[in-house]
Amino acid sequence: MDTTTRRTAWLLGLSGLLPFAGAALAFFAAPDSWQGFAEGALIAYGAVILSFLGAVHWGLALRAPVAEAGAGPARLTLGVLPALIGWVSLLLPDVFALPLLALGILGTAGLEQWAAGRGLVPGEYMMLRWVLSIGAALCLMAPITG
């Protein structure tokens, strides 16, 4: 990854944590009547981001060299599962949806770390991925643990 792309990825990635942080802070700072809205915003954004994370794997599968063709079905599956987990979270009560999303984001990162060790995910992507995943998971869990 060239320097400009790396910097842009970090800038946009960290900016993508702002809705998580804002909704988590709003949960604690806003009047009680707004807490449900803040939780709903966290869940909705978490589901969207989880779907986005899955889409990364479709991109990797579609641009994979022939030597990585055997990983195609697993990549495409990993591309779909996060979206399904996100969708299910939208149907659950908040107390279940928030940890499901946090686990989905962290679990996807864990699978990506495993794949990076086998050369199937760019290694330099993983530091950014873990920083963003941990930040998102902490924000998602804030209303439950706070």
C-alpha atoms as a PDB file:
ATOM      1  CA  MET A   1       0.000   0.000   0.000  1.00  0.00           C
ATOM      2  CA  ASP A   2       1.469   3.358  -0.959  1.00  0.00           C
ATOM      3  CA  THR A   3       1.842   6.159   1.592  1.00  0.00           C
ATOM      4  CA  THR A   4      -1.089   8.236   0.305  1.00  0.00           C
ATOM      5  CA  THR A   5      -3.462   5.277   0.384  1.00  0.00           C
ATOM      6  CA  ARG A   6      -2.264   4.250   3.852  1.00  0.00           C
ATOM      7  CA  ARG A   7      -2.769   7.769   5.235  1.00  0.00           C
ATOM      8  CA  THR A   8      -6.173   8.064   3.612  1.00  0.00           C
ATOM      9  CA  ALA A   9      -7.244   4.670   4.995  1.00  0.00           C
ATOM     10  CA  TRP A  10      -6.199   5.691   8.520  1.00  0.00           C
ATOM     11  CA  LEU A  11      -7.881   9.096   8.254  1.00  0.00           C
ATOM     12  CA  LEU A  12     -11.148   7.703   6.924  1.00  0.00           C
ATOM     13  CA  GLY A  13     -11.037   4.699   9.243  1.00  0.00           C
ATOM     14  CA  LEU A  14     -10.552   6.812  12.362  1.00  0.00           C
ATOM     15  CA  SER A  15     -13.229   9.219  11.128  1.00  0.00           C
ATOM     16  CA  GLY A  16     -15.514   6.208  10.867  1.00  0.00           C
ATOM     17  CA  LEU A  17     -15.213   5.760  14.633  1.00  0.00           C
ATOM     18  CA  LEU A  18     -16.808   9.171  15.223  1.00  0.00           C
ATOM     19  CA  PRO A  19     -20.417   7.948  14.851  1.00  0.00           C
ATOM     20  CA  PHE A  20     -19.662   5.108  17.278  1.00  0.00           C
ATOM     21  CA  ALA A  21     -18.080   7.463  19.812  1.00  0.00           C
ATOM     22  CA  GLY A  22     -20.758  10.103  19.344  1.00  0.00           C
ATOM     23  CA  ALA A  23     -23.618   7.676  19.895  1.00  0.00           C
ATOM     24  CA  ALA A  24     -21.908   6.094  22.910  1.00  0.00           C
ATOM     25  CA  LEU A  25     -21.283   9.517  24.449  1.00  0.00           C
ATOM     26  CA  ALA A  26     -24.829  10.598  23.663  1.00  0.00           C
ATOM     27  CA  PHE A  27     -26.123   7.573  25.530  1.00  0.00           C
ATOM     28  CA  PHE A  28     -24.471   8.853  28.716  1.00  0.00           C
ATOM     29  CA  ALA A  29     -24.746  12.615  28.197  1.00  0.00           C
ATOM     30  CA  ALA A  30     -28.214  12.978  26.713  1.00  0.00           C
ATOM     31  CA  PRO A  31     -31.433  13.057  28.724  1.00  0.00           C
ATOM     32  CA  ASP A  32     -32.872   9.640  29.560  1.00  0.00           C
ATOM     33  CA  SER A  33     -35.529  10.067  26.888  1.00  0.00           C
ATOM     34  CA  TRP A  34     -32.764  10.068  24.227  1.00  0.00           C
ATOM     35  CA  GLN A  35     -30.897   6.982  25.421  1.00  0.00           C
ATOM     36  CA  GLY A  36     -32.990   4.647  23.285  1.00  0.00           C
ATOM     37  CA  PHE A  37     -32.250   6.765  20.239  1.00  0.00           C
ATOM     38  CA  ALA A  38     -28.509   6.652  20.984  1.00  0.00           C
ATOM     39  CA  GLU A  39     -28.592   2.862  21.381  1.00  0.00           C
ATOM     40  CA  GLY A  40     -30.531   2.548  18.147  1.00  0.00           C
ATOM     41  CA  ALA A  41     -27.948   4.712  16.383  1.00  0.00           C
ATOM     42  CA  LEU A  42     -25.137   2.500  17.700  1.00  0.00           C
ATOM     43  CA  ILE A  43     -26.890  -0.649  16.550  1.00  0.00           C
ATOM     44  CA  ALA A  44     -27.731   0.724  13.105  1.00  0.00           C
ATOM     45  CA  TYR A  45     -24.206   2.003  12.495  1.00  0.00           C
ATOM     46  CA  GLY A  46     -22.681  -1.197  13.854  1.00  0.00           C
ATOM     47  CA  ALA A  47     -24.787  -3.265  11.439  1.00  0.00           C
ATOM     48  CA  VAL A  48     -23.766  -1.053   8.518  1.00  0.00           C
ATOM     49  CA  ILE A  49     -20.077  -1.252   9.423  1.00  0.00           C
ATOM     50  CA  LEU A  50     -20.231  -5.016   9.927  1.00  0.00           C
ATOM     51  CA  SER A  51     -21.721  -5.345   6.438  1.00  0.00           C
ATOM     52  CA  PHE A  52     -18.945  -3.135   5.070  1.00  0.00           C
ATOM     53  CA  LEU A  53     -16.314  -5.364   6.670  1.00  0.00           C
ATOM     54  CA  GLY A  54     -17.754  -8.367   4.891  1.00  0.00           C
ATOM     55  CA  ALA A  55     -17.642  -6.566   1.566  1.00  0.00           C
ATOM     56  CA  VAL A  56     -13.856  -6.290   1.903  1.00  0.00           C
ATOM     57  CA  HIS A  57     -13.673 -10.046   1.379  1.00  0.00           C
ATOM     58  CA  TRP A  58     -15.737  -9.976  -1.779  1.00  0.00           C
ATOM     59  CA  GLY A  59     -13.239  -7.469  -3.118  1.00  0.00           C
ATOM     60  CA  LEU A  60     -10.317  -9.694  -2.128  1.00  0.00           C
ATOM     61  CA  ALA A  61     -11.970 -12.722  -3.735  1.00  0.00           C
ATOM     62  CA  LEU A  62     -12.778 -10.922  -6.958  1.00  0.00           C
ATOM     63  CA  ARG A  63      -9.222  -9.561  -7.342  1.00  0.00           C
ATOM     64  CA  ALA A  64      -7.393 -12.652  -6.102  1.00  0.00           C
ATOM     65  CA  PRO A  65      -4.601 -14.110  -8.205  1.00  0.00           C
ATOM     66  CA  VAL A  66      -5.155 -17.579  -9.639  1.00  0.00           C
ATOM     67  CA  ALA A  67      -2.865 -19.035  -6.959  1.00  0.00           C
ATOM     68  CA  GLU A  68      -5.434 -18.015  -4.303  1.00  0.00           C
ATOM     69  CA  ALA A  69      -8.471 -19.432  -6.118  1.00  0.00           C
ATOM     70  CA  GLY A  70      -8.908 -22.116  -3.464  1.00  0.00           C
ATOM     71  CA  ALA A  71      -9.673 -19.425  -0.889  1.00  0.00           C
ATOM     72  CA  GLY A  72     -12.459 -17.948  -3.028  1.00  0.00           C
ATOM     73  CA  PRO A  73     -15.428 -19.776  -1.465  1.00  0.00           C
ATOM     74  CA  ALA A  74     -14.231 -19.032   2.090  1.00  0.00           C
ATOM     75  CA  ARG A  75     -13.665 -15.368   1.216  1.00  0.00           C
ATOM     76  CA  LEU A  76     -17.118 -15.033  -0.307  1.00  0.00           C
ATOM     77  CA  THR A  77     -18.672 -16.737   2.723  1.00  0.00           C
ATOM     78  CA  LEU A  78     -16.800 -14.404   5.072  1.00  0.00           C
ATOM     79  CA  GLY A  79     -18.125 -11.601   2.907  1.00  0.00           C
ATOM     80  CA  VAL A  80     -21.753 -12.602   3.553  1.00  0.00           C
ATOM     81  CA  LEU A  81     -21.719 -13.678   7.210  1.00  0.00           C
ATOM     82  CA  PRO A  82     -21.035 -10.221   8.718  1.00  0.00           C
ATOM     83  CA  ALA A  83     -23.996  -8.744   6.840  1.00  0.00           C
ATOM     84  CA  LEU A  84     -26.256 -11.521   8.134  1.00  0.00           C
ATOM     85  CA  ILE A  85     -25.038 -10.978  11.693  1.00  0.00           C
ATOM     86  CA  GLY A  86     -25.683  -7.258  11.297  1.00  0.00           C
ATOM     87  CA  TRP A  87     -29.180  -7.906  10.005  1.00  0.00           C
ATOM     88  CA  VAL A  88     -29.986 -10.265  12.885  1.00  0.00           C
ATOM     89  CA  SER A  89     -28.770  -7.625  15.346  1.00  0.00           C
ATOM     90  CA  LEU A  90     -31.363  -5.212  13.987  1.00  0.00           C
ATOM     91  CA  LEU A  91     -34.092  -7.677  14.982  1.00  0.00           C
ATOM     92  CA  LEU A  92     -32.903  -8.251  18.544  1.00  0.00           C
ATOM     93  CA  PRO A  93     -33.423  -6.292  21.756  1.00  0.00           C
ATOM     94  CA  ASP A  94     -30.605  -3.805  22.359  1.00  0.00           C
ATOM     95  CA  VAL A  95     -29.108  -5.826  25.222  1.00  0.00           C
ATOM     96  CA  PHE A  96     -28.410  -8.681  22.770  1.00  0.00           C
ATOM     97  CA  ALA A  97     -27.779  -6.644  19.620  1.00  0.00           C
ATOM     98  CA  LEU A  98     -24.932  -4.550  21.019  1.00  0.00           C
ATOM     99  CA  PRO A  99     -22.734  -7.471  22.160  1.00  0.00           C
ATOM    100  CA  LEU A 100     -23.568  -9.453  19.011  1.00  0.00           C
ATOM    101  CA  LEU A 101     -22.282  -6.575  16.883  1.00  0.00           C
ATOM    102  CA  ALA A 102     -19.177  -6.132  19.041  1.00  0.00           C
ATOM    103  CA  LEU A 103     -18.422  -9.849  18.799  1.00  0.00           C
ATOM    104  CA  GLY A 104     -19.138  -9.831  15.074  1.00  0.00           C
ATOM    105  CA  ILE A 105     -16.678  -7.002  14.474  1.00  0.00           C
ATOM    106  CA  LEU A 106     -13.988  -8.563  16.675  1.00  0.00           C
ATOM    107  CA  GLY A 107     -14.634 -12.047  15.314  1.00  0.00           C
ATOM    108  CA  THR A 108     -14.290 -10.852  11.744  1.00  0.00           C
ATOM    109  CA  ALA A 109     -10.980  -9.205  12.665  1.00  0.00           C
ATOM    110  CA  GLY A 110      -9.848 -12.445  14.263  1.00  0.00           C
ATOM    111  CA  LEU A 111     -10.625 -14.414  11.116  1.00  0.00           C
ATOM    112  CA  GLU A 112      -8.841 -11.776   9.054  1.00  0.00           C
ATOM    113  CA  GLN A 113      -5.785 -12.070  11.310  1.00  0.00           C
ATOM    114  CA  TRP A 114      -5.778 -15.814  10.714  1.00  0.00           C
ATOM    115  CA  ALA A 115      -6.085 -15.208   6.950  1.00  0.00           C
ATOM    116  CA  ALA A 116      -3.315 -12.586   7.038  1.00  0.00           C
ATOM    117  CA  GLY A 117      -1.010 -15.208   8.529  1.00  0.00           C
ATOM    118  CA  ARG A 118      -1.618 -17.261   5.399  1.00  0.00           C
ATOM    119  CA  GLY A 119      -1.094 -14.346   3.016  1.00  0.00           C
ATOM    120  CA  LEU A 120      -4.790 -14.028   2.129  1.00  0.00           C
ATOM    121  CA  VAL A 121      -5.314 -10.584   3.692  1.00  0.00           C
ATOM    122  CA  PRO A 122      -2.776  -7.766   3.415  1.00  0.00           C
ATOM    123  CA  GLY A 123      -0.755  -7.758   6.628  1.00  0.00           C
ATOM    124  CA  GLU A 124      -0.426  -3.972   6.797  1.00  0.00           C
ATOM    125  CA  TYR A 125      -4.231  -3.734   6.863  1.00  0.00           C
ATOM    126  CA  MET A 126      -4.406  -5.592  10.161  1.00  0.00           C
ATOM    127  CA  MET A 127      -3.061  -2.877  12.476  1.00  0.00           C
ATOM    128  CA  LEU A 128      -5.690  -0.451  11.209  1.00  0.00           C
ATOM    129  CA  ARG A 129      -8.315  -3.174  11.387  1.00  0.00           C
ATOM    130  CA  TRP A 130      -7.610  -3.988  15.046  1.00  0.00           C
ATOM    131  CA  VAL A 131      -7.504  -0.339  16.132  1.00  0.00           C
ATOM    132  CA  LEU A 132     -10.867   0.320  14.493  1.00  0.00           C
ATOM    133  CA  SER A 133     -12.416  -2.970  15.650  1.00  0.00           C
ATOM    134  CA  ILE A 134     -11.456  -2.486  19.281  1.00  0.00           C
ATOM    135  CA  GLY A 135     -12.660   1.123  19.216  1.00  0.00           C
ATOM    136  CA  ALA A 136     -15.982   0.128  17.677  1.00  0.00           C
ATOM    137  CA  ALA A 137     -16.477  -2.789  20.075  1.00  0.00           C
ATOM    138  CA  LEU A 138     -15.785  -0.627  23.123  1.00  0.00           C
ATOM    139  CA  CYS A 139     -18.332   1.929  21.947  1.00  0.00           C
ATOM    140  CA  LEU A 140     -20.910  -0.768  21.214  1.00  0.00           C
ATOM    141  CA  MET A 141     -20.509  -2.229  24.687  1.00  0.00           C
ATOM    142  CA  ALA A 142     -20.553   1.129  26.518  1.00  0.00           C
ATOM    143  CA  PRO A 143     -24.344   1.281  27.078  1.00  0.00           C
ATOM    144  CA  ILE A 144     -24.337  -2.227  28.547  1.00  0.00           C
ATOM    145  CA  THR A 145     -21.285  -1.893  30.756  1.00  0.00           C
ATOM    146  CA  GLY A 146     -21.808   1.748  31.724  1.00  0.00           C
END
